[in-house]
N, C-alpha and C. Protein backbone atom coordinates (compact mmCIF):
# COMPACT_ATOMS: atom_id res chain seq x y z
N UNK A 1 0.84 -1.18 0.00
CA UNK A 1 0.00 0.00 0.00
C UNK A 1 0.88 1.24 0.00
N UNK A 2 0.60 2.14 -0.90
CA UNK A 2 1.39 3.36 -1.06
C UNK A 2 1.00 4.41 -0.03
N UNK A 3 1.99 5.06 0.54
CA UNK A 3 1.74 6.13 1.50
C UNK A 3 1.36 7.40 0.73
N UNK A 4 0.28 8.09 1.16
CA UNK A 4 -0.10 9.30 0.42
C UNK A 4 0.99 10.38 0.50
N UNK A 5 1.17 11.06 -0.60
CA UNK A 5 2.17 12.13 -0.64
C UNK A 5 1.48 13.48 -0.47
N UNK A 6 2.29 14.53 -0.34
CA UNK A 6 1.74 15.87 -0.19
C UNK A 6 0.88 16.25 -1.40
N UNK A 7 1.33 15.88 -2.60
CA UNK A 7 0.55 16.25 -3.79
C UNK A 7 -0.76 15.48 -3.83
N UNK A 8 -0.76 14.22 -3.35
CA UNK A 8 -2.01 13.46 -3.28
C UNK A 8 -3.00 14.15 -2.36
N UNK A 9 -2.52 14.64 -1.21
CA UNK A 9 -3.39 15.31 -0.25
C UNK A 9 -3.95 16.60 -0.86
N UNK A 10 -3.13 17.33 -1.58
CA UNK A 10 -3.60 18.58 -2.19
C UNK A 10 -4.64 18.30 -3.27
N UNK A 11 -4.46 17.24 -4.05
CA UNK A 11 -5.44 16.90 -5.09
C UNK A 11 -6.79 16.58 -4.49
N UNK A 12 -6.79 15.93 -3.33
CA UNK A 12 -8.04 15.58 -2.66
C UNK A 12 -8.67 16.80 -1.99
N UNK A 13 -7.94 17.89 -1.90
CA UNK A 13 -8.45 19.07 -1.23
C UNK A 13 -8.14 19.06 0.27
N UNK A 14 -7.46 18.04 0.73
CA UNK A 14 -7.11 17.96 2.14
C UNK A 14 -5.83 18.74 2.38
N UNK A 15 -5.69 19.25 3.58
CA UNK A 15 -4.47 19.96 3.93
C UNK A 15 -3.33 18.96 4.08
N UNK A 16 -2.22 19.30 3.47
CA UNK A 16 -1.05 18.42 3.58
C UNK A 16 -0.44 18.59 4.96
N UNK A 17 0.01 17.49 5.58
CA UNK A 17 0.62 17.62 6.89
C UNK A 17 1.92 18.42 6.81
N UNK A 18 2.22 19.12 7.88
CA UNK A 18 3.46 19.90 7.94
C UNK A 18 4.65 18.96 7.96
N UNK A 19 5.71 19.40 7.33
CA UNK A 19 6.94 18.62 7.36
C UNK A 19 7.79 19.08 8.54
N UNK A 20 8.76 18.27 8.90
CA UNK A 20 9.67 18.61 9.99
C UNK A 20 10.42 19.91 9.66
N UNK A 21 10.83 20.07 8.42
CA UNK A 21 11.57 21.27 8.01
C UNK A 21 10.68 22.50 8.18
N UNK A 22 9.41 22.41 7.79
CA UNK A 22 8.49 23.55 7.95
C UNK A 22 8.35 23.93 9.42
N UNK A 23 8.23 22.94 10.28
CA UNK A 23 8.08 23.21 11.72
C UNK A 23 9.37 23.77 12.31
N UNK A 24 10.51 23.28 11.86
CA UNK A 24 11.78 23.82 12.35
C UNK A 24 11.96 25.27 11.92
N UNK A 25 11.54 25.60 10.71
CA UNK A 25 11.68 26.97 10.20
C UNK A 25 10.66 27.93 10.80
N UNK A 26 9.48 27.43 11.14
CA UNK A 26 8.43 28.28 11.71
C UNK A 26 7.59 27.44 12.67
N UNK A 27 8.05 27.29 13.92
CA UNK A 27 7.36 26.41 14.88
C UNK A 27 5.90 26.79 15.13
N UNK A 28 5.57 28.07 14.96
CA UNK A 28 4.19 28.50 15.21
C UNK A 28 3.21 27.86 14.24
N UNK A 29 3.71 27.36 13.11
CA UNK A 29 2.81 26.72 12.14
C UNK A 29 2.14 25.47 12.72
N UNK A 30 2.80 24.80 13.64
CA UNK A 30 2.21 23.61 14.25
C UNK A 30 0.93 23.98 15.01
N UNK A 31 1.01 25.01 15.83
CA UNK A 31 -0.18 25.44 16.59
C UNK A 31 -1.24 25.99 15.65
N UNK A 32 -0.83 26.75 14.64
CA UNK A 32 -1.80 27.31 13.71
C UNK A 32 -2.49 26.22 12.89
N UNK A 33 -1.75 25.15 12.58
CA UNK A 33 -2.33 24.02 11.85
C UNK A 33 -3.41 23.34 12.70
N UNK A 34 -3.11 23.12 13.98
CA UNK A 34 -4.09 22.52 14.88
C UNK A 34 -5.32 23.43 15.02
N UNK A 35 -5.08 24.72 15.14
CA UNK A 35 -6.16 25.68 15.27
C UNK A 35 -7.06 25.68 14.03
N UNK A 36 -6.46 25.62 12.86
CA UNK A 36 -7.24 25.58 11.62
C UNK A 36 -8.09 24.32 11.55
N UNK A 37 -7.51 23.19 11.91
CA UNK A 37 -8.29 21.93 11.90
C UNK A 37 -9.42 21.98 12.93
N UNK A 38 -9.15 22.53 14.10
CA UNK A 38 -10.19 22.65 15.13
C UNK A 38 -11.33 23.54 14.66
N UNK A 39 -11.00 24.64 13.98
CA UNK A 39 -12.03 25.54 13.46
C UNK A 39 -12.89 24.81 12.42
N UNK A 40 -12.24 24.00 11.58
CA UNK A 40 -12.99 23.24 10.57
C UNK A 40 -13.93 22.23 11.23
N UNK A 41 -13.42 21.51 12.21
CA UNK A 41 -14.25 20.51 12.90
C UNK A 41 -15.40 21.18 13.63
N UNK A 42 -15.15 22.32 14.26
CA UNK A 42 -16.22 23.06 14.94
C UNK A 42 -17.29 23.50 13.94
N UNK A 43 -16.86 23.96 12.77
CA UNK A 43 -17.82 24.38 11.74
C UNK A 43 -18.69 23.22 11.29
N UNK A 44 -18.07 22.09 11.04
CA UNK A 44 -18.83 20.91 10.61
C UNK A 44 -19.81 20.48 11.70
N UNK A 45 -19.37 20.50 12.94
CA UNK A 45 -20.25 20.10 14.05
C UNK A 45 -21.42 21.08 14.20
N UNK A 46 -21.15 22.36 14.07
CA UNK A 46 -22.22 23.36 14.19
C UNK A 46 -23.24 23.21 13.05
N UNK A 47 -22.76 22.94 11.86
CA UNK A 47 -23.69 22.73 10.74
C UNK A 47 -24.47 21.45 10.93
N UNK A 48 -23.85 20.43 11.48
CA UNK A 48 -24.58 19.18 11.75
C UNK A 48 -25.69 19.41 12.77
N UNK A 49 -25.41 20.25 13.76
CA UNK A 49 -26.41 20.55 14.79
C UNK A 49 -27.47 21.51 14.26
N UNK A 50 -27.08 22.43 13.38
CA UNK A 50 -28.00 23.45 12.85
C UNK A 50 -27.94 23.44 11.32
N UNK A 51 -28.47 22.41 10.67
CA UNK A 51 -28.34 22.32 9.21
C UNK A 51 -28.98 23.49 8.46
N UNK A 52 -29.93 24.16 9.09
CA UNK A 52 -30.56 25.30 8.42
C UNK A 52 -29.59 26.47 8.24
N UNK A 53 -28.40 26.40 8.88
CA UNK A 53 -27.39 27.43 8.68
C UNK A 53 -26.85 27.42 7.26
N UNK A 54 -27.01 26.29 6.57
CA UNK A 54 -26.57 26.22 5.17
C UNK A 54 -27.44 27.08 4.27
N UNK A 55 -28.65 27.37 4.71
CA UNK A 55 -29.55 28.22 3.93
C UNK A 55 -30.46 27.41 3.03
N UNK A 56 -31.37 28.15 2.39
CA UNK A 56 -32.30 27.51 1.46
C UNK A 56 -31.65 27.44 0.07
N UNK A 57 -32.45 27.15 -0.94
CA UNK A 57 -31.89 27.01 -2.28
C UNK A 57 -31.32 28.32 -2.82
N UNK A 58 -31.65 29.43 -2.18
CA UNK A 58 -31.12 30.73 -2.59
C UNK A 58 -29.98 31.20 -1.68
N UNK A 59 -29.57 30.35 -0.74
CA UNK A 59 -28.47 30.69 0.15
C UNK A 59 -28.87 31.56 1.33
N UNK A 60 -30.18 31.78 1.53
CA UNK A 60 -30.64 32.61 2.64
C UNK A 60 -30.80 31.75 3.88
N UNK A 61 -30.21 32.20 4.98
CA UNK A 61 -30.36 31.50 6.25
C UNK A 61 -31.69 31.87 6.88
N UNK A 62 -32.28 30.89 7.54
CA UNK A 62 -33.52 31.14 8.28
C UNK A 62 -33.26 30.78 9.73
N UNK A 63 -32.92 31.78 10.53
CA UNK A 63 -32.57 31.53 11.93
C UNK A 63 -33.79 31.62 12.84
N UNK A 64 -34.88 32.22 12.36
CA UNK A 64 -36.13 32.33 13.11
C UNK A 64 -35.94 32.85 14.53
N UNK A 65 -35.01 33.78 14.72
CA UNK A 65 -34.82 34.37 16.04
C UNK A 65 -34.20 33.44 17.07
N UNK A 66 -33.69 32.29 16.63
CA UNK A 66 -33.06 31.33 17.54
C UNK A 66 -31.69 31.88 17.96
N UNK A 67 -31.53 32.27 19.24
CA UNK A 67 -30.26 32.88 19.65
C UNK A 67 -29.08 31.91 19.56
N UNK A 68 -29.32 30.63 19.77
CA UNK A 68 -28.23 29.65 19.69
C UNK A 68 -27.77 29.52 18.24
N UNK A 69 -28.71 29.46 17.31
CA UNK A 69 -28.36 29.36 15.89
C UNK A 69 -27.66 30.64 15.43
N UNK A 70 -28.07 31.78 15.95
CA UNK A 70 -27.42 33.04 15.59
C UNK A 70 -25.96 33.04 16.06
N UNK A 71 -25.73 32.54 17.27
CA UNK A 71 -24.36 32.46 17.80
C UNK A 71 -23.55 31.44 16.99
N UNK A 72 -24.18 30.34 16.61
CA UNK A 72 -23.50 29.33 15.79
C UNK A 72 -23.10 29.93 14.44
N UNK A 73 -23.99 30.70 13.83
CA UNK A 73 -23.68 31.35 12.56
C UNK A 73 -22.51 32.32 12.72
N UNK A 74 -22.48 33.04 13.83
CA UNK A 74 -21.36 33.94 14.10
C UNK A 74 -20.05 33.20 14.27
N UNK A 75 -20.10 32.08 14.97
CA UNK A 75 -18.89 31.26 15.15
C UNK A 75 -18.37 30.76 13.82
N UNK A 76 -19.27 30.34 12.95
CA UNK A 76 -18.86 29.84 11.63
C UNK A 76 -18.20 30.96 10.83
N UNK A 77 -18.77 32.15 10.87
CA UNK A 77 -18.16 33.28 10.17
C UNK A 77 -16.75 33.56 10.70
N UNK A 78 -16.60 33.52 12.02
CA UNK A 78 -15.28 33.77 12.61
C UNK A 78 -14.30 32.64 12.28
N UNK A 79 -14.79 31.40 12.20
CA UNK A 79 -13.92 30.28 11.84
C UNK A 79 -13.39 30.46 10.42
N UNK A 80 -14.25 30.90 9.50
CA UNK A 80 -13.80 31.16 8.13
C UNK A 80 -12.78 32.30 8.11
N UNK A 81 -13.04 33.35 8.89
CA UNK A 81 -12.11 34.48 8.95
C UNK A 81 -10.76 34.02 9.51
N UNK A 82 -10.79 33.18 10.55
CA UNK A 82 -9.56 32.67 11.14
C UNK A 82 -8.78 31.84 10.13
N UNK A 83 -9.46 30.98 9.40
CA UNK A 83 -8.78 30.15 8.40
C UNK A 83 -8.13 31.03 7.33
N UNK A 84 -8.83 32.08 6.93
CA UNK A 84 -8.25 32.99 5.95
C UNK A 84 -7.03 33.72 6.49
N UNK A 85 -7.09 34.12 7.75
CA UNK A 85 -5.95 34.81 8.37
C UNK A 85 -4.74 33.89 8.45
N UNK A 86 -4.96 32.63 8.80
CA UNK A 86 -3.85 31.67 8.88
C UNK A 86 -3.27 31.44 7.49
N UNK A 87 -4.14 31.33 6.48
CA UNK A 87 -3.68 31.15 5.11
C UNK A 87 -2.81 32.34 4.67
N UNK A 88 -3.24 33.55 5.00
CA UNK A 88 -2.46 34.74 4.64
C UNK A 88 -1.13 34.78 5.39
N UNK A 89 -1.12 34.35 6.65
CA UNK A 89 0.12 34.31 7.43
C UNK A 89 1.10 33.33 6.80
N UNK A 90 0.60 32.14 6.44
CA UNK A 90 1.47 31.14 5.81
C UNK A 90 2.01 31.66 4.49
N UNK A 91 1.18 32.38 3.74
CA UNK A 91 1.63 32.96 2.48
C UNK A 91 2.71 34.00 2.72
N UNK A 92 2.53 34.82 3.75
CA UNK A 92 3.54 35.82 4.09
C UNK A 92 4.85 35.16 4.48
N UNK A 93 4.78 34.05 5.23
CA UNK A 93 6.00 33.32 5.59
C UNK A 93 6.70 32.79 4.35
N UNK A 94 5.92 32.23 3.44
CA UNK A 94 6.49 31.68 2.21
C UNK A 94 7.14 32.80 1.38
N UNK A 95 6.49 33.95 1.31
CA UNK A 95 7.06 35.09 0.57
C UNK A 95 8.34 35.58 1.23
N UNK A 96 8.35 35.64 2.55
CA UNK A 96 9.54 36.08 3.27
C UNK A 96 10.70 35.11 3.04
N UNK A 97 10.40 33.83 3.03
CA UNK A 97 11.45 32.83 2.78
C UNK A 97 12.00 32.97 1.37
N UNK A 98 11.14 33.25 0.41
CA UNK A 98 11.58 33.45 -0.97
C UNK A 98 12.48 34.67 -1.07
N UNK A 99 12.09 35.74 -0.38
CA UNK A 99 12.91 36.95 -0.40
C UNK A 99 14.29 36.70 0.21
N UNK A 100 14.32 35.94 1.32
CA UNK A 100 15.62 35.62 1.95
C UNK A 100 16.48 34.80 1.00
N UNK A 101 15.85 33.85 0.29
CA UNK A 101 16.61 33.02 -0.65
C UNK A 101 17.16 33.85 -1.81
N UNK A 102 16.44 34.90 -2.19
CA UNK A 102 16.87 35.73 -3.30
C UNK A 102 18.00 36.68 -2.91
N UNK A 103 18.30 36.81 -1.62
CA UNK A 103 19.35 37.72 -1.17
C UNK A 103 20.75 37.20 -1.50
N UNK A 104 20.88 35.92 -1.78
CA UNK A 104 22.19 35.36 -2.07
C UNK A 104 22.64 35.77 -3.47
N UNK A 105 23.86 36.28 -3.59
CA UNK A 105 24.31 36.75 -4.90
C UNK A 105 24.77 35.63 -5.84
N UNK A 106 24.83 34.41 -5.35
CA UNK A 106 25.32 33.31 -6.19
C UNK A 106 24.26 32.27 -6.43
């Protein structure tokens, strides 16, 4: 049985696990990776509990004044915002590493 590679994980849409080199270069990525996965799991669980948060066929949510569903919708919005912030941070790290690599004159 073949072990899945990073490119296999990306093709499936799954996040590729961090490598040892990535963690050595930026240890904070380990915690951010766990945080991103936790936000995803929380989102899935909230939608499972409140499926009407997905909206109707037009994408409109019907919360019917349910305060718990309203808080769940807010949490989902913040989870998406957090995932985007982590993605931008990782991109900034990658750009910074590229700039450092370009500093070498040879």
